[in-house]
């Protein structure tokens, strides 16, 4: 009965619950520590020993390379064979990256397993507006060295692209690593985090925010800042959805966690592939809907042509200038979104042009289908793995951690909430 409770990662079943059930069903009274050890044993039976899982990393990475040719994997350990870092970039992600805008969002999420650590994630938005995980890995600690190693492997897998840029929170190690590995490319601070976590709590007026914002964000121009501030309600931290997706797996041992992430990417790959196949418009569904919304707004506007490309658009008491040749509008949306705004659509309709011709190729359904053209097949059953002896003989020991492996978490006693996560996040193990 105890093991069955933990098959689903989302199940909240604490040692206190075990005590209550054992007394109710079997009439046996357990101490808290007895119940906690029973929970720990059930976990190890289902998912393996956390310490032994580190020793399986070389084998698991070898099978990934063999199953998905073109996949880039790597790991690093200390001179004493203690685990340091791991890196995985699946071939499907590497191949799909070229059809997406060259924007890389990077972040780290802390793990809750016995030996703790941090999962590093790099992702981007696909042509359908969904998250495309590019690379991921586990490191013993989030610091300058680990991020530098991660980006060295990222560059080996994905190289460089024109107008490539990075987006992250204000983690100093991430900024240092990108500056060292990609010195010629821009790095943006996540405006959503800056606004919701810092600026919005103190400032309301845009003019008051601007000086402090530029001291924090650095890479944004004045024009970009003004555009983003006017659209703040529409900005969504979508890249965090991958972190949310793996939230329930953060207590898994390292190899089951890596496999959990791979399965998540596998499921997303097929879901988005099917969406692309079922889309009949030139653009993907999300951006086609955006165009329709802009088109509805454009019908109320008046157009006056100055040249074959330059137009003045009157929208009530406001006037905007649109240049179809350079794909720019004085509102800033046309050039920023790379899709015609309502003012641009008014000018396009006036010239009897096709609106899809003024959209970025990154929003096309063809690019969307090409992004997911490489399927991610399930890994073969572990009993059938054919692993060479030199890989099996690799020794990887768990990292040294301050956390005591045999000590139950403090908040295991408090209704299943993990320490530092607050009452909204439950313990999913």
Protein backbone atom coordinates (compact mmCIF):
# COMPACT_ATOMS: atom_id res chain seq x y z
CA UNK A 1 0.00 0.00 0.00
CA UNK A 2 2.81 2.42 0.88
CA UNK A 3 4.60 2.04 -2.48
CA UNK A 4 1.37 2.53 -4.43
CA UNK A 5 0.92 5.93 -2.79
CA UNK A 6 4.12 7.21 -4.40
CA UNK A 7 3.71 5.93 -7.97
CA UNK A 8 2.22 9.27 -8.98
CA UNK A 9 4.81 12.02 -8.41
CA UNK A 10 2.08 14.51 -7.59
CA UNK A 11 0.82 12.53 -4.62
CA UNK A 12 1.13 14.31 -1.29
CA UNK A 13 1.57 11.56 1.31
CA UNK A 14 3.59 12.57 4.35
CA UNK A 15 4.95 10.47 7.24
CA UNK A 16 2.09 11.87 9.33
CA UNK A 17 -0.35 10.42 6.79
CA UNK A 18 1.45 7.07 7.01
CA UNK A 19 1.10 7.10 10.80
CA UNK A 20 -2.63 7.81 10.57
CA UNK A 21 -3.29 5.12 7.94
CA UNK A 22 -1.27 2.44 9.73
CA UNK A 23 -3.21 3.08 12.91
CA UNK A 24 -6.59 3.20 11.15
CA UNK A 25 -6.12 0.21 8.83
CA UNK A 26 -3.76 -2.08 10.75
CA UNK A 27 -4.06 -0.85 14.31
CA UNK A 28 -0.29 -0.26 14.46
CA UNK A 29 1.12 2.85 16.09
CA UNK A 30 4.32 4.14 14.43
CA UNK A 31 6.69 6.84 15.54
CA UNK A 32 7.30 9.71 13.12
CA UNK A 33 10.83 8.41 12.34
CA UNK A 34 9.52 4.91 11.59
CA UNK A 35 6.99 6.36 9.17
CA UNK A 36 9.64 8.58 7.58
CA UNK A 37 12.00 5.63 7.08
CA UNK A 38 9.14 3.68 5.50
CA UNK A 39 8.54 6.54 3.10
CA UNK A 40 12.26 6.70 2.27
CA UNK A 41 12.36 2.94 1.62
CA UNK A 42 9.31 3.15 -0.67
CA UNK A 43 11.00 5.93 -2.63
CA UNK A 44 14.20 3.94 -3.09
CA UNK A 45 12.23 0.85 -4.18
CA UNK A 46 10.39 2.83 -6.84
CA UNK A 47 13.12 5.19 -8.05
CA UNK A 48 16.44 3.81 -6.89
CA UNK A 49 19.01 4.85 -4.33
CA UNK A 50 19.97 8.56 -4.68
CA UNK A 51 23.68 7.84 -4.17
CA UNK A 52 23.79 4.93 -6.63
CA UNK A 53 21.97 7.01 -9.24
CA UNK A 54 25.07 9.15 -9.78
CA UNK A 55 26.99 6.05 -10.84
CA UNK A 56 24.45 5.46 -13.62
CA UNK A 57 25.04 8.85 -15.27
CA UNK A 58 27.74 7.63 -17.75
CA UNK A 59 25.51 4.74 -18.85
CA UNK A 60 22.43 6.91 -19.23
CA UNK A 61 24.25 9.56 -21.28
CA UNK A 62 25.78 6.87 -23.49
CA UNK A 63 22.31 5.45 -24.25
CA UNK A 64 21.03 8.94 -25.09
CA UNK A 65 23.81 9.42 -27.64
CA UNK A 66 23.22 5.98 -29.12
CA UNK A 67 19.43 6.35 -29.31
CA UNK A 68 19.45 9.91 -30.68
CA UNK A 69 22.45 10.35 -33.02
CA UNK A 70 23.56 13.96 -33.02
CA UNK A 71 22.72 14.47 -29.36
CA UNK A 72 25.41 16.28 -27.36
CA UNK A 73 26.01 15.04 -23.81
CA UNK A 74 28.78 15.61 -21.32
CA UNK A 75 29.54 15.31 -17.63
CA UNK A 76 32.33 16.32 -15.31
CA UNK A 77 33.58 15.01 -11.98
CA UNK A 78 36.30 15.88 -9.49
CA UNK A 79 39.64 14.12 -9.14
CA UNK A 80 38.01 12.08 -6.38
CA UNK A 81 35.27 10.98 -8.83
CA UNK A 82 32.65 13.21 -7.17
CA UNK A 83 29.91 14.45 -9.49
CA UNK A 84 30.13 18.08 -10.60
CA UNK A 85 28.14 18.81 -13.76
CA UNK A 86 26.08 17.17 -16.53
CA UNK A 87 24.82 18.53 -19.86
CA UNK A 88 22.25 17.24 -22.39
CA UNK A 89 21.15 18.74 -25.72
CA UNK A 90 18.91 16.35 -27.66
CA UNK A 91 19.36 16.15 -31.42
CA UNK A 92 15.72 17.12 -31.98
CA UNK A 93 16.28 20.37 -30.04
CA UNK A 94 19.53 21.14 -31.86
CA UNK A 95 17.88 20.63 -35.26
CA UNK A 96 14.73 22.52 -34.30
CA UNK A 97 16.66 25.53 -32.97
CA UNK A 98 17.49 26.83 -36.47
CA UNK A 99 13.78 27.41 -37.20
CA UNK A 100 13.23 29.54 -34.08
CA UNK A 101 14.16 33.11 -33.28
CA UNK A 102 17.74 33.27 -31.92
CA UNK A 103 16.67 34.10 -28.38
CA UNK A 104 17.93 31.88 -25.55
CA UNK A 105 16.27 32.03 -22.14
CA UNK A 106 18.35 30.52 -19.33
CA UNK A 107 17.43 29.79 -15.75
CA UNK A 108 18.20 27.47 -12.86
CA UNK A 109 15.88 25.63 -10.50
CA UNK A 110 16.97 24.20 -7.18
CA UNK A 111 16.49 20.48 -6.59
CA UNK A 112 15.00 18.92 -3.46
CA UNK A 113 16.68 15.52 -3.64
CA UNK A 114 18.99 14.04 -1.01
CA UNK A 115 22.09 15.64 -2.53
CA UNK A 116 20.33 18.81 -3.66
CA UNK A 117 21.99 20.61 -6.59
CA UNK A 118 20.53 22.78 -9.34
CA UNK A 119 19.03 22.02 -12.75
CA UNK A 120 20.17 24.48 -15.43
CA UNK A 121 17.85 25.00 -18.39
CA UNK A 122 18.17 26.82 -21.72
CA UNK A 123 15.06 27.24 -23.85
CA UNK A 124 13.48 29.36 -26.57
CA UNK A 125 10.06 30.05 -28.10
CA UNK A 126 9.11 27.98 -31.13
CA UNK A 127 7.16 29.41 -34.13
CA UNK A 128 3.93 28.41 -32.40
CA UNK A 129 4.70 30.47 -29.32
CA UNK A 130 5.45 27.40 -27.18
CA UNK A 131 8.52 26.54 -25.13
CA UNK A 132 11.24 24.60 -26.93
CA UNK A 133 13.76 23.23 -24.40
CA UNK A 134 17.22 23.47 -25.93
CA UNK A 135 19.57 22.09 -23.28
CA UNK A 136 19.46 21.05 -19.66
CA UNK A 137 21.67 19.54 -17.03
CA UNK A 138 22.32 19.12 -13.33
CA UNK A 139 25.14 20.81 -11.42
CA UNK A 140 26.18 20.41 -7.82
CA UNK A 141 25.98 24.16 -7.26
CA UNK A 142 24.90 27.23 -9.24
CA UNK A 143 28.02 29.40 -9.50
CA UNK A 144 30.40 30.99 -12.01
CA UNK A 145 32.19 27.72 -12.81
CA UNK A 146 29.06 25.65 -13.36
CA UNK A 147 27.40 28.23 -15.62
CA UNK A 148 30.64 28.74 -17.55
CA UNK A 149 30.89 24.97 -18.14
CA UNK A 150 27.22 24.85 -19.17
CA UNK A 151 27.63 27.62 -21.76
CA UNK A 152 30.83 26.09 -23.13
CA UNK A 153 28.85 22.92 -23.87
CA UNK A 154 25.90 24.95 -25.14
CA UNK A 155 28.12 26.72 -27.66
CA UNK A 156 29.57 23.38 -28.74
CA UNK A 157 26.05 22.10 -29.41
CA UNK A 158 24.32 25.18 -30.85
CA UNK A 159 27.14 27.43 -32.03
CA UNK A 160 26.36 31.06 -32.85
CA UNK A 161 23.64 32.77 -34.87
CA UNK A 162 23.21 36.29 -36.17
CA UNK A 163 21.36 38.58 -33.74
CA UNK A 164 21.53 35.93 -31.05
CA UNK A 165 20.67 37.18 -27.56
CA UNK A 166 20.15 35.83 -24.05
CA UNK A 167 17.48 36.49 -21.45
CA UNK A 168 17.76 35.62 -17.76
CA UNK A 169 17.13 36.94 -14.30
CA UNK A 170 19.82 39.07 -12.68
CA UNK A 171 21.92 36.07 -11.59
CA UNK A 172 25.48 37.37 -11.71
CA UNK A 173 26.97 33.98 -12.65
CA UNK A 174 24.78 33.74 -15.76
CA UNK A 175 25.79 37.23 -16.90
CA UNK A 176 29.48 36.47 -16.30
CA UNK A 177 29.29 33.19 -18.22
CA UNK A 178 27.51 34.63 -21.27
CA UNK A 179 29.95 37.55 -21.33
CA UNK A 180 32.86 35.09 -21.40
CA UNK A 181 31.45 32.60 -23.95
CA UNK A 182 29.31 34.93 -26.09
CA UNK A 183 30.93 38.36 -25.61
CA UNK A 184 29.61 39.79 -28.88
CA UNK A 185 25.92 39.05 -28.17
CA UNK A 186 23.48 41.02 -26.05
CA UNK A 187 22.12 39.84 -22.72
CA UNK A 188 18.75 41.07 -21.44
CA UNK A 189 17.39 41.03 -17.92
CA UNK A 190 13.91 39.51 -17.80
CA UNK A 191 11.61 42.52 -17.74
CA UNK A 192 8.77 40.51 -16.21
CA UNK A 193 10.88 39.70 -13.16
CA UNK A 194 12.18 43.24 -12.89
CA UNK A 195 8.68 44.63 -13.01
CA UNK A 196 6.78 42.15 -10.80
CA UNK A 197 9.51 41.45 -8.26
CA UNK A 198 11.10 44.86 -7.88
CA UNK A 199 9.86 47.92 -9.75
CA UNK A 200 6.10 47.46 -9.51
CA UNK A 201 6.24 47.30 -5.72
CA UNK A 202 7.85 50.72 -5.47
CA UNK A 203 7.05 52.74 -8.60
CA UNK A 204 3.94 53.46 -10.62
CA UNK A 205 5.03 56.19 -12.99
CA UNK A 206 7.05 55.17 -16.07
CA UNK A 207 9.26 58.27 -15.93
CA UNK A 208 10.10 57.50 -12.32
CA UNK A 209 10.97 53.89 -13.12
CA UNK A 210 13.18 54.54 -16.17
CA UNK A 211 16.46 55.57 -14.41
CA UNK A 212 16.40 52.65 -11.98
CA UNK A 213 15.31 50.23 -14.70
CA UNK A 214 18.27 51.05 -16.93
CA UNK A 215 20.70 50.59 -14.06
CA UNK A 216 19.36 47.04 -13.68
CA UNK A 217 18.46 45.89 -17.18
CA UNK A 218 21.43 47.50 -18.95
CA UNK A 219 20.81 46.07 -22.43
CA UNK A 220 17.43 47.67 -23.20
CA UNK A 221 17.27 50.84 -25.26
CA UNK A 222 14.95 53.72 -24.35
CA UNK A 223 12.61 52.80 -27.19
CA UNK A 224 12.51 49.14 -26.19
CA UNK A 225 11.80 50.11 -22.60
CA UNK A 226 8.87 52.37 -23.53
CA UNK A 227 7.42 49.69 -25.82
CA UNK A 228 7.67 47.01 -23.18
CA UNK A 229 6.22 49.18 -20.43
CA UNK A 230 3.15 49.97 -22.54
CA UNK A 231 2.65 46.24 -23.12
CA UNK A 232 3.42 45.04 -19.58
CA UNK A 233 -0.01 43.48 -19.06
CA UNK A 234 0.59 41.25 -22.09
CA UNK A 235 4.02 40.02 -21.02
CA UNK A 236 4.02 36.51 -19.64
CA UNK A 237 7.03 34.64 -18.18
CA UNK A 238 6.33 31.63 -20.40
CA UNK A 239 9.85 30.28 -20.20
CA UNK A 240 9.17 29.35 -16.58
CA UNK A 241 6.65 26.73 -17.71
CA UNK A 242 9.47 24.21 -18.10
CA UNK A 243 10.49 24.84 -14.50
CA UNK A 244 6.87 24.36 -13.49
CA UNK A 245 6.64 21.17 -15.53
CA UNK A 246 9.56 19.58 -13.70
CA UNK A 247 8.51 20.89 -10.29
CA UNK A 248 7.09 17.54 -9.21
CA UNK A 249 10.28 15.73 -10.24
CA UNK A 250 12.75 17.77 -8.23
CA UNK A 251 12.94 15.16 -5.45
CA UNK A 252 13.89 12.35 -7.85
CA UNK A 253 17.44 10.93 -7.96
CA UNK A 254 19.56 12.42 -10.75
CA UNK A 255 19.05 9.84 -13.52
CA UNK A 256 15.26 9.47 -12.98
CA UNK A 257 15.09 13.28 -12.97
CA UNK A 258 16.99 13.55 -16.26
CA UNK A 259 14.69 10.90 -17.73
CA UNK A 260 11.65 12.76 -16.37
CA UNK A 261 12.75 15.89 -18.26
CA UNK A 262 13.41 13.86 -21.42
CA UNK A 263 9.91 12.35 -21.26
CA UNK A 264 8.43 15.82 -20.78
CA UNK A 265 10.24 17.07 -23.90
CA UNK A 266 9.15 13.93 -25.78
CA UNK A 267 5.48 14.60 -24.92
CA UNK A 268 5.74 18.28 -25.87
CA UNK A 269 7.46 17.39 -29.14
CA UNK A 270 4.61 15.13 -30.27
CA UNK A 271 1.91 17.55 -29.06
CA UNK A 272 3.36 20.47 -31.01
CA UNK A 273 4.09 18.28 -34.03
CA UNK A 274 0.43 17.33 -34.16
CA UNK A 275 -0.65 20.95 -33.79
CA UNK A 276 1.53 21.91 -36.75
CA UNK A 277 0.09 19.12 -38.90
CA UNK A 278 -3.47 20.21 -38.11
CA UNK A 279 -2.89 23.91 -38.81
CA UNK A 280 -4.07 25.00 -42.25
CA UNK A 281 -3.11 28.69 -42.17
CA UNK A 282 0.20 30.12 -43.40
CA UNK A 283 1.03 31.31 -39.89
CA UNK A 284 0.76 29.28 -36.73
CA UNK A 285 -2.50 29.49 -34.80
CA UNK A 286 -1.27 31.93 -32.15
CA UNK A 287 0.08 34.52 -34.58
CA UNK A 288 -2.78 34.09 -37.02
CA UNK A 289 -5.14 35.00 -34.16
CA UNK A 290 -2.95 38.01 -33.36
CA UNK A 291 -3.24 39.15 -36.98
CA UNK A 292 -7.02 38.74 -36.91
CA UNK A 293 -7.26 40.88 -33.77
CA UNK A 294 -5.12 43.58 -35.40
CA UNK A 295 -7.17 43.37 -38.60
CA UNK A 296 -10.41 44.00 -36.69
CA UNK A 297 -8.86 47.09 -35.10
CA UNK A 298 -7.55 48.38 -38.46
CA UNK A 299 -11.03 48.77 -39.99
CA UNK A 300 -11.75 51.87 -37.94
CA UNK A 301 -8.60 53.68 -39.13
CA UNK A 302 -8.09 56.18 -41.96
CA UNK A 303 -5.11 55.88 -44.31
CA UNK A 304 -3.31 58.62 -46.22
CA UNK A 305 -0.47 57.54 -48.50
CA UNK A 306 2.56 59.82 -48.76
CA UNK A 307 4.65 57.52 -50.99
CA UNK A 308 4.28 53.96 -52.21
CA UNK A 309 5.68 52.73 -48.90
CA UNK A 310 5.02 55.56 -46.43
CA UNK A 311 1.55 56.04 -44.92
CA UNK A 312 -0.08 58.15 -42.24
CA UNK A 313 -2.67 56.25 -40.20
CA UNK A 314 -5.32 58.16 -38.25
CA UNK A 315 -6.80 56.30 -35.30
CA UNK A 316 -9.25 58.61 -33.58
CA UNK A 317 -7.26 61.55 -32.22
CA UNK A 318 -3.91 59.81 -32.74
CA UNK A 319 -1.75 59.57 -35.86
CA UNK A 320 0.86 56.96 -36.70
CA UNK A 321 3.40 56.64 -39.50
CA UNK A 322 3.89 53.27 -41.20
CA UNK A 323 6.66 52.37 -43.64
CA UNK A 324 5.92 49.06 -45.37
CA UNK A 325 9.35 48.92 -46.98
CA UNK A 326 11.22 48.91 -43.67
CA UNK A 327 8.35 47.23 -41.79
CA UNK A 328 8.21 49.92 -39.13
CA UNK A 329 5.42 51.79 -37.36
CA UNK A 330 5.75 54.75 -35.01
CA UNK A 331 3.81 52.76 -32.38
CA UNK A 332 6.77 50.37 -32.23
CA UNK A 333 4.76 47.16 -32.46
CA UNK A 334 5.39 46.35 -36.14
CA UNK A 335 9.19 46.21 -35.83
CA UNK A 336 9.21 44.78 -32.32
CA UNK A 337 6.74 41.92 -32.88
CA UNK A 338 7.86 41.36 -36.51
CA UNK A 339 4.18 41.04 -37.37
CA UNK A 340 1.92 43.81 -38.76
CA UNK A 341 0.25 45.92 -36.08
CA UNK A 342 -3.25 47.30 -36.64
CA UNK A 343 -1.81 50.48 -38.22
CA UNK A 344 0.37 48.48 -40.60
CA UNK A 345 -2.57 46.28 -41.57
CA UNK A 346 -4.56 49.38 -42.47
CA UNK A 347 -1.76 50.43 -44.82
CA UNK A 348 -1.42 46.89 -46.22
CA UNK A 349 -5.13 46.75 -46.96
CA UNK A 350 -4.95 50.18 -48.59
CA UNK A 351 -2.24 48.86 -50.96
CA UNK A 352 -4.05 45.53 -51.57
CA UNK A 353 -1.02 43.62 -50.31
CA UNK A 354 -1.03 40.23 -48.61
CA UNK A 355 -0.58 40.59 -44.87
CA UNK A 356 1.33 37.28 -44.46
CA UNK A 357 4.12 38.68 -46.63
CA UNK A 358 4.93 41.19 -43.87
CA UNK A 359 5.25 38.62 -41.09
CA UNK A 360 8.50 37.12 -39.87
CA UNK A 361 9.26 33.65 -41.24
CA UNK A 362 9.71 32.56 -37.63
CA UNK A 363 5.91 32.62 -37.26
CA UNK A 364 5.17 30.42 -40.29
CA UNK A 365 3.53 27.04 -39.87
CA UNK A 366 6.19 25.56 -42.18
CA UNK A 367 8.88 26.59 -39.70
CA UNK A 368 6.73 25.20 -36.91
CA UNK A 369 6.51 21.81 -38.60
CA UNK A 370 10.24 21.84 -39.41
CA UNK A 371 11.03 22.61 -35.76
CA UNK A 372 9.49 19.31 -34.71
CA UNK A 373 10.38 17.28 -37.79
CA UNK A 374 12.78 15.11 -35.77
CA UNK A 375 10.75 12.80 -33.49
CA UNK A 376 11.89 11.92 -29.98
CA UNK A 377 11.37 8.19 -29.59
CA UNK A 378 11.16 6.45 -26.20
CA UNK A 379 14.38 5.03 -24.80
CA UNK A 380 14.64 1.22 -25.04
CA UNK A 381 14.01 -0.88 -21.94
CA UNK A 382 17.00 -0.74 -19.60
CA UNK A 383 17.28 -4.56 -19.68
CA UNK A 384 18.18 -4.34 -23.39
CA UNK A 385 20.88 -1.67 -23.08
CA UNK A 386 24.16 -2.70 -24.67
CA UNK A 387 26.80 -0.61 -22.90
CA UNK A 388 30.56 -1.04 -23.49
CA UNK A 389 32.69 -2.05 -20.53
CA UNK A 390 34.68 1.20 -20.41
CA UNK A 391 31.42 3.11 -19.81
CA UNK A 392 30.22 0.66 -17.18
CA UNK A 393 33.54 0.95 -15.38
CA UNK A 394 33.24 4.73 -15.00
CA UNK A 395 32.93 5.71 -11.33
CA UNK A 396 30.79 8.71 -10.41
CA UNK A 397 30.17 9.32 -6.72
CA UNK A 398 27.55 11.70 -5.29
CA UNK A 399 28.69 15.23 -4.48
CA UNK A 400 29.52 16.23 -0.96
CA UNK A 401 26.52 18.05 0.46
CA UNK A 402 25.71 19.83 3.67
CA UNK A 403 22.34 18.17 3.76
CA UNK A 404 22.29 15.06 5.96
CA UNK A 405 21.08 12.08 3.85
CA UNK A 406 19.40 10.40 6.82
CA UNK A 407 17.64 13.40 8.28
CA UNK A 408 13.97 14.11 7.43
CA UNK A 409 13.13 17.60 6.18
CA UNK A 410 11.89 19.97 8.87
CA UNK A 411 8.64 20.77 7.13
CA UNK A 412 7.81 17.14 6.50
CA UNK A 413 6.05 17.59 9.83
CA UNK A 414 4.06 20.58 8.61
CA UNK A 415 1.20 19.46 6.36
CA UNK A 416 3.48 18.47 3.48
CA UNK A 417 4.93 21.91 2.72
CA UNK A 418 8.60 22.14 1.85
CA UNK A 419 10.83 24.66 3.56
CA UNK A 420 10.94 28.05 1.83
CA UNK A 421 8.18 27.27 -0.67
CA UNK A 422 5.30 28.75 1.29
CA UNK A 423 1.82 27.39 1.72
CA UNK A 424 1.00 27.39 -1.99
CA UNK A 425 3.52 24.70 -2.90
CA UNK A 426 3.00 21.22 -1.58
CA UNK A 427 5.55 18.49 -1.12
CA UNK A 428 5.15 16.29 -4.19
CA UNK A 429 6.80 13.23 -2.77
